[in-house]
Amino acid sequence: MSLSRLLADVPESHFQAAWYYSIVLAAMVTLMAVGGGWIGAGVLRIWRAGDRAAAMVIAGAAAAALLFFGGALLAGIVGLINTNGQG
């Protein structure tokens, strides 16, 4: 089965749902990348200033938040890929 034939069989509502899902997932990836960079720079600055305990607390909280968003991202990816045309 060719790709064009496969796309022709997809209802318009499924295409629209996949389009919106992909926008949300791209926004999440961007949020995680930019936020992770800012967090890393901030923690490194605090670590170099000598306040290692505060840096570890901030890094731990940031890691927990990034894991939460990573789980939501993974759920979105699975939802986008694994629908098998069932909506």
PDB file of N, CA and C in Angstrom:
ATOM      1  N   MET A   1       0.842  -1.172   0.000  1.00  0.00           N
ATOM      2  CA  MET A   1       0.000   0.000   0.000  1.00  0.00           C
ATOM      3  C   MET A   1       0.893   1.242   0.000  1.00  0.00           C
ATOM      4  N   SER A   2       0.615   2.160  -0.881  1.00  0.00           N
ATOM      5  CA  SER A   2       1.433   3.366  -0.983  1.00  0.00           C
ATOM      6  C   SER A   2       1.006   4.384   0.072  1.00  0.00           C
ATOM      7  N   LEU A   3       1.882   5.336   0.327  1.00  0.00           N
ATOM      8  CA  LEU A   3       1.619   6.369   1.320  1.00  0.00           C
ATOM      9  C   LEU A   3       0.440   7.229   0.909  1.00  0.00           C
ATOM     10  N   SER A   4       0.330   7.557  -0.368  1.00  0.00           N
ATOM     11  CA  SER A   4      -0.788   8.394  -0.823  1.00  0.00           C
ATOM     12  C   SER A   4      -2.118   7.671  -0.644  1.00  0.00           C
ATOM     13  N   ARG A   5      -2.108   6.368  -0.880  1.00  0.00           N
ATOM     14  CA  ARG A   5      -3.342   5.587  -0.701  1.00  0.00           C
ATOM     15  C   ARG A   5      -3.712   5.513   0.784  1.00  0.00           C
ATOM     16  N   LEU A   6      -2.706   5.355   1.629  1.00  0.00           N
ATOM     17  CA  LEU A   6      -2.934   5.308   3.066  1.00  0.00           C
ATOM     18  C   LEU A   6      -3.496   6.633   3.568  1.00  0.00           C
ATOM     19  N   LEU A   7      -2.935   7.751   3.109  1.00  0.00           N
ATOM     20  CA  LEU A   7      -3.418   9.065   3.524  1.00  0.00           C
ATOM     21  C   LEU A   7      -4.811   9.350   2.986  1.00  0.00           C
ATOM     22  N   ALA A   8      -5.136   8.824   1.822  1.00  0.00           N
ATOM     23  CA  ALA A   8      -6.459   9.035   1.257  1.00  0.00           C
ATOM     24  C   ALA A   8      -7.536   8.329   2.078  1.00  0.00           C
ATOM     25  N   ASP A   9      -7.168   7.268   2.796  1.00  0.00           N
ATOM     26  CA  ASP A   9      -8.133   6.523   3.595  1.00  0.00           C
ATOM     27  C   ASP A   9      -8.331   7.099   4.993  1.00  0.00           C
ATOM     28  N   VAL A  10      -7.528   8.075   5.380  1.00  0.00           N
ATOM     29  CA  VAL A  10      -7.628   8.661   6.712  1.00  0.00           C
ATOM     30  C   VAL A  10      -8.721   9.723   6.707  1.00  0.00           C
ATOM     31  N   PRO A  11      -9.694   9.622   7.635  1.00  0.00           N
ATOM     32  CA  PRO A  11     -10.733  10.652   7.697  1.00  0.00           C
ATOM     33  C   PRO A  11     -10.136  12.016   8.062  1.00  0.00           C
ATOM     34  N   GLU A  12     -10.824  13.049   7.653  1.00  0.00           N
ATOM     35  CA  GLU A  12     -10.324  14.405   7.908  1.00  0.00           C
ATOM     36  C   GLU A  12     -10.205  14.688   9.399  1.00  0.00           C
ATOM     37  N   SER A  13     -11.108  14.170  10.204  1.00  0.00           N
ATOM     38  CA  SER A  13     -11.057  14.422  11.646  1.00  0.00           C
ATOM     39  C   SER A  13      -9.807  13.806  12.278  1.00  0.00           C
ATOM     40  N   HIS A  14      -9.376  12.659  11.784  1.00  0.00           N
ATOM     41  CA  HIS A  14      -8.158  12.041  12.322  1.00  0.00           C
ATOM     42  C   HIS A  14      -6.932  12.877  11.957  1.00  0.00           C
ATOM     43  N   PHE A  15      -6.921  13.410  10.742  1.00  0.00           N
ATOM     44  CA  PHE A  15      -5.806  14.251  10.333  1.00  0.00           C
ATOM     45  C   PHE A  15      -5.745  15.510  11.186  1.00  0.00           C
ATOM     46  N   GLN A  16      -6.896  16.125  11.440  1.00  0.00           N
ATOM     47  CA  GLN A  16      -6.923  17.334  12.255  1.00  0.00           C
ATOM     48  C   GLN A  16      -6.480  17.043  13.684  1.00  0.00           C
ATOM     49  N   ALA A  17      -6.920  15.925  14.235  1.00  0.00           N
ATOM     50  CA  ALA A  17      -6.505  15.566  15.597  1.00  0.00           C
ATOM     51  C   ALA A  17      -4.997  15.337  15.653  1.00  0.00           C
ATOM     52  N   ALA A  18      -4.452  14.663  14.665  1.00  0.00           N
ATOM     53  CA  ALA A  18      -3.011  14.418  14.633  1.00  0.00           C
ATOM     54  C   ALA A  18      -2.245  15.730  14.471  1.00  0.00           C
ATOM     55  N   TRP A  19      -2.786  16.645  13.687  1.00  0.00           N
ATOM     56  CA  TRP A  19      -2.139  17.936  13.495  1.00  0.00           C
ATOM     57  C   TRP A  19      -2.077  18.706  14.814  1.00  0.00           C
ATOM     58  N   TYR A  20      -3.190  18.758  15.539  1.00  0.00           N
ATOM     59  CA  TYR A  20      -3.206  19.481  16.812  1.00  0.00           C
ATOM     60  C   TYR A  20      -2.332  18.788  17.848  1.00  0.00           C
ATOM     61  N   TYR A  21      -2.355  17.474  17.875  1.00  0.00           N
ATOM     62  CA  TYR A  21      -1.485  16.721  18.782  1.00  0.00           C
ATOM     63  C   TYR A  21      -0.017  17.048  18.497  1.00  0.00           C
ATOM     64  N   SER A  22       0.358  17.098  17.235  1.00  0.00           N
ATOM     65  CA  SER A  22       1.757  17.360  16.902  1.00  0.00           C
ATOM     66  C   SER A  22       2.167  18.776  17.295  1.00  0.00           C
ATOM     67  N   ILE A  23       1.257  19.735  17.217  1.00  0.00           N
ATOM     68  CA  ILE A  23       1.564  21.096  17.663  1.00  0.00           C
ATOM     69  C   ILE A  23       1.801  21.120  19.164  1.00  0.00           C
ATOM     70  N   VAL A  24       0.951  20.436  19.924  1.00  0.00           N
ATOM     71  CA  VAL A  24       1.105  20.379  21.379  1.00  0.00           C
ATOM     72  C   VAL A  24       2.419  19.685  21.737  1.00  0.00           C
ATOM     73  N   LEU A  25       2.734  18.602  21.062  1.00  0.00           N
ATOM     74  CA  LEU A  25       3.974  17.878  21.352  1.00  0.00           C
ATOM     75  C   LEU A  25       5.203  18.720  21.000  1.00  0.00           C
ATOM     76  N   ALA A  26       5.158  19.448  19.905  1.00  0.00           N
ATOM     77  CA  ALA A  26       6.284  20.322  19.554  1.00  0.00           C
ATOM     78  C   ALA A  26       6.458  21.424  20.592  1.00  0.00           C
ATOM     79  N   ALA A  27       5.353  21.963  21.096  1.00  0.00           N
ATOM     80  CA  ALA A  27       5.438  22.986  22.140  1.00  0.00           C
ATOM     81  C   ALA A  27       6.032  22.400  23.419  1.00  0.00           C
ATOM     82  N   MET A  28       5.673  21.170  23.752  1.00  0.00           N
ATOM     83  CA  MET A  28       6.225  20.535  24.949  1.00  0.00           C
ATOM     84  C   MET A  28       7.721  20.289  24.814  1.00  0.00           C
ATOM     85  N   VAL A  29       8.147  19.836  23.652  1.00  0.00           N
ATOM     86  CA  VAL A  29       9.576  19.610  23.428  1.00  0.00           C
ATOM     87  C   VAL A  29      10.342  20.926  23.549  1.00  0.00           C
ATOM     88  N   THR A  30       9.804  21.986  22.963  1.00  0.00           N
ATOM     89  CA  THR A  30      10.445  23.297  23.048  1.00  0.00           C
ATOM     90  C   THR A  30      10.505  23.787  24.486  1.00  0.00           C
ATOM     91  N   LEU A  31       9.405  23.639  25.211  1.00  0.00           N
ATOM     92  CA  LEU A  31       9.351  24.052  26.614  1.00  0.00           C
ATOM     93  C   LEU A  31      10.376  23.295  27.448  1.00  0.00           C
ATOM     94  N   MET A  32      10.474  21.999  27.242  1.00  0.00           N
ATOM     95  CA  MET A  32      11.418  21.197  28.009  1.00  0.00           C
ATOM     96  C   MET A  32      12.868  21.547  27.660  1.00  0.00           C
ATOM     97  N   ALA A  33      13.155  21.776  26.404  1.00  0.00           N
ATOM     98  CA  ALA A  33      14.529  22.094  26.002  1.00  0.00           C
ATOM     99  C   ALA A  33      14.961  23.459  26.535  1.00  0.00           C
ATOM    100  N   VAL A  34      14.130  24.461  26.344  1.00  0.00           N
ATOM    101  CA  VAL A  34      14.475  25.810  26.805  1.00  0.00           C
ATOM    102  C   VAL A  34      14.517  25.857  28.326  1.00  0.00           C
ATOM    103  N   GLY A  35      13.506  25.277  28.969  1.00  0.00           N
ATOM    104  CA  GLY A  35      13.479  25.259  30.432  1.00  0.00           C
ATOM    105  C   GLY A  35      14.648  24.493  31.020  1.00  0.00           C
ATOM    106  N   GLY A  36      14.972  23.365  30.417  1.00  0.00           N
ATOM    107  CA  GLY A  36      16.116  22.582  30.893  1.00  0.00           C
ATOM    108  C   GLY A  36      17.424  23.344  30.767  1.00  0.00           C
ATOM    109  N   GLY A  37      17.568  24.092  29.689  1.00  0.00           N
ATOM    110  CA  GLY A  37      18.768  24.911  29.509  1.00  0.00           C
ATOM    111  C   GLY A  37      18.867  26.017  30.547  1.00  0.00           C
ATOM    112  N   TRP A  38      17.752  26.689  30.802  1.00  0.00           N
ATOM    113  CA  TRP A  38      17.742  27.751  31.814  1.00  0.00           C
ATOM    114  C   TRP A  38      18.023  27.184  33.202  1.00  0.00           C
ATOM    115  N   ILE A  39      17.419  26.046  33.492  1.00  0.00           N
ATOM    116  CA  ILE A  39      17.638  25.420  34.798  1.00  0.00           C
ATOM    117  C   ILE A  39      19.102  25.022  34.947  1.00  0.00           C
ATOM    118  N   GLY A  40      19.644  24.399  33.910  1.00  0.00           N
ATOM    119  CA  GLY A  40      21.042  23.977  33.971  1.00  0.00           C
ATOM    120  C   GLY A  40      21.985  25.146  34.184  1.00  0.00           C
ATOM    121  N   ALA A  41      21.748  26.239  33.488  1.00  0.00           N
ATOM    122  CA  ALA A  41      22.598  27.420  33.652  1.00  0.00           C
ATOM    123  C   ALA A  41      22.465  28.002  35.048  1.00  0.00           C
ATOM    124  N   GLY A  42      21.250  28.055  35.558  1.00  0.00           N
ATOM    125  CA  GLY A  42      21.035  28.598  36.899  1.00  0.00           C
ATOM    126  C   GLY A  42      21.653  27.739  37.986  1.00  0.00           C
ATOM    127  N   VAL A  43      21.470  26.427  37.867  1.00  0.00           N
ATOM    128  CA  VAL A  43      22.048  25.515  38.857  1.00  0.00           C
ATOM    129  C   VAL A  43      23.567  25.578  38.814  1.00  0.00           C
ATOM    130  N   LEU A  44      24.123  25.635  37.635  1.00  0.00           N
ATOM    131  CA  LEU A  44      25.585  25.732  37.512  1.00  0.00           C
ATOM    132  C   LEU A  44      26.113  27.029  38.140  1.00  0.00           C
ATOM    133  N   ARG A  45      25.389  28.109  37.933  1.00  0.00           N
ATOM    134  CA  ARG A  45      25.789  29.384  38.526  1.00  0.00           C
ATOM    135  C   ARG A  45      25.731  29.321  40.062  1.00  0.00           C
ATOM    136  N   ILE A  46      24.683  28.715  40.602  1.00  0.00           N
ATOM    137  CA  ILE A  46      24.554  28.583  42.058  1.00  0.00           C
ATOM    138  C   ILE A  46      25.629  27.639  42.598  1.00  0.00           C
ATOM    139  N   TRP A  47      25.887  26.554  41.887  1.00  0.00           N
ATOM    140  CA  TRP A  47      26.906  25.592  42.303  1.00  0.00           C
ATOM    141  C   TRP A  47      28.283  26.253  42.376  1.00  0.00           C
ATOM    142  N   ARG A  48      28.618  27.027  41.342  1.00  0.00           N
ATOM    143  CA  ARG A  48      29.921  27.702  41.307  1.00  0.00           C
ATOM    144  C   ARG A  48      30.030  28.796  42.367  1.00  0.00           C
ATOM    145  N   ALA A  49      28.883  29.349  42.796  1.00  0.00           N
ATOM    146  CA  ALA A  49      28.896  30.376  43.833  1.00  0.00           C
ATOM    147  C   ALA A  49      29.167  29.776  45.205  1.00  0.00           C
ATOM    148  N   GLY A  50      29.087  28.446  45.308  1.00  0.00           N
ATOM    149  CA  GLY A  50      29.419  27.784  46.556  1.00  0.00           C
ATOM    150  C   GLY A  50      28.235  27.273  47.346  1.00  0.00           C
ATOM    151  N   ASP A  51      27.017  27.576  46.927  1.00  0.00           N
ATOM    152  CA  ASP A  51      25.830  27.109  47.652  1.00  0.00           C
ATOM    153  C   ASP A  51      25.375  25.779  47.057  1.00  0.00           C
ATOM    154  N   ARG A  52      26.107  24.732  47.407  1.00  0.00           N
ATOM    155  CA  ARG A  52      25.877  23.421  46.795  1.00  0.00           C
ATOM    156  C   ARG A  52      24.553  22.794  47.223  1.00  0.00           C
ATOM    157  N   ALA A  53      24.132  23.026  48.454  1.00  0.00           N
ATOM    158  CA  ALA A  53      22.863  22.450  48.924  1.00  0.00           C
ATOM    159  C   ALA A  53      21.684  23.027  48.143  1.00  0.00           C
ATOM    160  N   ALA A  54      21.672  24.333  47.944  1.00  0.00           N
ATOM    161  CA  ALA A  54      20.591  24.960  47.184  1.00  0.00           C
ATOM    162  C   ALA A  54      20.603  24.483  45.734  1.00  0.00           C
ATOM    163  N   ALA A  55      21.796  24.336  45.178  1.00  0.00           N
ATOM    164  CA  ALA A  55      21.897  23.860  43.799  1.00  0.00           C
ATOM    165  C   ALA A  55      21.341  22.447  43.670  1.00  0.00           C
ATOM    166  N   MET A  56      21.617  21.597  44.648  1.00  0.00           N
ATOM    167  CA  MET A  56      21.107  20.218  44.601  1.00  0.00           C
ATOM    168  C   MET A  56      19.588  20.179  44.751  1.00  0.00           C
ATOM    169  N   VAL A  57      19.033  21.020  45.615  1.00  0.00           N
ATOM    170  CA  VAL A  57      17.577  21.064  45.795  1.00  0.00           C
ATOM    171  C   VAL A  57      16.903  21.551  44.510  1.00  0.00           C
ATOM    172  N   ILE A  58      17.444  22.592  43.924  1.00  0.00           N
ATOM    173  CA  ILE A  58      16.873  23.124  42.685  1.00  0.00           C
ATOM    174  C   ILE A  58      17.003  22.106  41.558  1.00  0.00           C
ATOM    175  N   ALA A  59      18.155  21.456  41.466  1.00  0.00           N
ATOM    176  CA  ALA A  59      18.348  20.443  40.424  1.00  0.00           C
ATOM    177  C   ALA A  59      17.399  19.266  40.611  1.00  0.00           C
ATOM    178  N   GLY A  60      17.174  18.852  41.846  1.00  0.00           N
ATOM    179  CA  GLY A  60      16.242  17.747  42.106  1.00  0.00           C
ATOM    180  C   GLY A  60      14.806  18.106  41.755  1.00  0.00           C
ATOM    181  N   ALA A  61      14.389  19.309  42.137  1.00  0.00           N
ATOM    182  CA  ALA A  61      13.028  19.746  41.801  1.00  0.00           C
ATOM    183  C   ALA A  61      12.861  19.898  40.295  1.00  0.00           C
ATOM    184  N   ALA A  62      13.882  20.421  39.640  1.00  0.00           N
ATOM    185  CA  ALA A  62      13.825  20.581  38.188  1.00  0.00           C
ATOM    186  C   ALA A  62      13.794  19.229  37.490  1.00  0.00           C
ATOM    187  N   ALA A  63      14.581  18.279  37.993  1.00  0.00           N
ATOM    188  CA  ALA A  63      14.581  16.940  37.398  1.00  0.00           C
ATOM    189  C   ALA A  63      13.212  16.281  37.548  1.00  0.00           C
ATOM    190  N   ALA A  64      12.581  16.459  38.703  1.00  0.00           N
ATOM    191  CA  ALA A  64      11.240  15.893  38.901  1.00  0.00           C
ATOM    192  C   ALA A  64      10.243  16.526  37.930  1.00  0.00           C
ATOM    193  N   ALA A  65      10.324  17.839  37.754  1.00  0.00           N
ATOM    194  CA  ALA A  65       9.418  18.519  36.824  1.00  0.00           C
ATOM    195  C   ALA A  65       9.663  18.068  35.390  1.00  0.00           C
ATOM    196  N   LEU A  66      10.929  17.942  35.004  1.00  0.00           N
ATOM    197  CA  LEU A  66      11.235  17.497  33.642  1.00  0.00           C
ATOM    198  C   LEU A  66      10.801  16.051  33.415  1.00  0.00           C
ATOM    199  N   LEU A  67      10.903  15.218  34.452  1.00  0.00           N
ATOM    200  CA  LEU A  67      10.400  13.845  34.324  1.00  0.00           C
ATOM    201  C   LEU A  67       8.885  13.823  34.160  1.00  0.00           C
ATOM    202  N   PHE A  68       8.195  14.701  34.875  1.00  0.00           N
ATOM    203  CA  PHE A  68       6.743  14.794  34.731  1.00  0.00           C
ATOM    204  C   PHE A  68       6.374  15.196  33.307  1.00  0.00           C
ATOM    205  N   PHE A  69       7.016  16.252  32.812  1.00  0.00           N
ATOM    206  CA  PHE A  69       6.731  16.686  31.447  1.00  0.00           C
ATOM    207  C   PHE A  69       7.165  15.643  30.426  1.00  0.00           C
ATOM    208  N   GLY A  70       8.244  14.940  30.707  1.00  0.00           N
ATOM    209  CA  GLY A  70       8.679  13.868  29.816  1.00  0.00           C
ATOM    210  C   GLY A  70       7.661  12.737  29.753  1.00  0.00           C
ATOM    211  N   GLY A  71       7.048  12.417  30.887  1.00  0.00           N
ATOM    212  CA  GLY A  71       5.986  11.404  30.891  1.00  0.00           C
ATOM    213  C   GLY A  71       4.767  11.846  30.113  1.00  0.00           C
ATOM    214  N   ALA A  72       4.397  13.120  30.270  1.00  0.00           N
ATOM    215  CA  ALA A  72       3.275  13.647  29.492  1.00  0.00           C
ATOM    216  C   ALA A  72       3.602  13.654  28.003  1.00  0.00           C
ATOM    217  N   LEU A  73       4.836  13.977  27.682  1.00  0.00           N
ATOM    218  CA  LEU A  73       5.275  13.959  26.284  1.00  0.00           C
ATOM    219  C   LEU A  73       5.224  12.540  25.719  1.00  0.00           C
ATOM    220  N   LEU A  74       5.690  11.589  26.483  1.00  0.00           N
ATOM    221  CA  LEU A  74       5.658  10.195  26.040  1.00  0.00           C
ATOM    222  C   LEU A  74       4.221   9.717  25.843  1.00  0.00           C
ATOM    223  N   ALA A  75       3.330  10.084  26.752  1.00  0.00           N
ATOM    224  CA  ALA A  75       1.919   9.712  26.597  1.00  0.00           C
ATOM    225  C   ALA A  75       1.319  10.338  25.346  1.00  0.00           C
ATOM    226  N   GLY A  76       1.692  11.569  25.058  1.00  0.00           N
ATOM    227  CA  GLY A  76       1.205  12.218  23.843  1.00  0.00           C
ATOM    228  C   GLY A  76       1.725  11.556  22.584  1.00  0.00           C
ATOM    229  N   ILE A  77       2.977  11.177  22.597  1.00  0.00           N
ATOM    230  CA  ILE A  77       3.566  10.499  21.433  1.00  0.00           C
ATOM    231  C   ILE A  77       2.887   9.152  21.205  1.00  0.00           C
ATOM    232  N   VAL A  78       2.699   8.403  22.278  1.00  0.00           N
ATOM    233  CA  VAL A  78       2.027   7.113  22.153  1.00  0.00           C
ATOM    234  C   VAL A  78       0.600   7.304  21.659  1.00  0.00           C
ATOM    235  N   GLY A  79      -0.081   8.306  22.180  1.00  0.00           N
ATOM    236  CA  GLY A  79      -1.449   8.586  21.717  1.00  0.00           C
ATOM    237  C   GLY A  79      -1.491   8.990  20.263  1.00  0.00           C
ATOM    238  N   LEU A  80      -0.484   9.692  19.813  1.00  0.00           N
ATOM    239  CA  LEU A  80      -0.444  10.127  18.418  1.00  0.00           C
ATOM    240  C   LEU A  80      -0.143   8.974  17.478  1.00  0.00           C
ATOM    241  N   ILE A  81       0.758   8.091  17.883  1.00  0.00           N
ATOM    242  CA  ILE A  81       1.190   7.011  17.005  1.00  0.00           C
ATOM    243  C   ILE A  81       0.297   5.781  17.094  1.00  0.00           C
ATOM    244  N   ASN A  82      -0.156   5.443  18.273  1.00  0.00           N
ATOM    245  CA  ASN A  82      -0.783   4.143  18.504  1.00  0.00           C
ATOM    246  C   ASN A  82      -2.300   4.173  18.425  1.00  0.00           C
ATOM    247  N   THR A  83      -2.903   5.069  17.678  1.00  0.00           N
ATOM    248  CA  THR A  83      -4.351   5.080  17.582  1.00  0.00           C
ATOM    249  C   THR A  83      -4.868   4.089  16.547  1.00  0.00           C
ATOM    250  N   ASN A  84      -4.036   3.712  15.584  1.00  0.00           N
ATOM    251  CA  ASN A  84      -4.402   2.749  14.542  1.00  0.00           C
ATOM    252  C   ASN A  84      -5.688   3.151  13.810  1.00  0.00           C
ATOM    253  N   GLY A  85      -5.897   4.439  13.643  1.00  0.00           N
ATOM    254  CA  GLY A  85      -7.089   4.893  12.915  1.00  0.00           C
ATOM    255  C   GLY A  85      -8.355   4.791  13.708  1.00  0.00           C
ATOM    256  N   GLN A  86      -8.268   4.570  15.002  1.00  0.00           N
ATOM    257  CA  GLN A  86      -9.478   4.413  15.812  1.00  0.00           C
ATOM    258  C   GLN A  86      -9.934   5.731  16.457  1.00  0.00           C
ATOM    259  N   GLY A  87      -9.260   6.815  16.174  1.00  0.00           N
ATOM    260  CA  GLY A  87      -9.690   8.125  16.676  1.00  0.00           C
ATOM    261  C   GLY A  87      -9.090   8.491  18.000  1.00  0.00           C
TER     262      GLY A  87
END
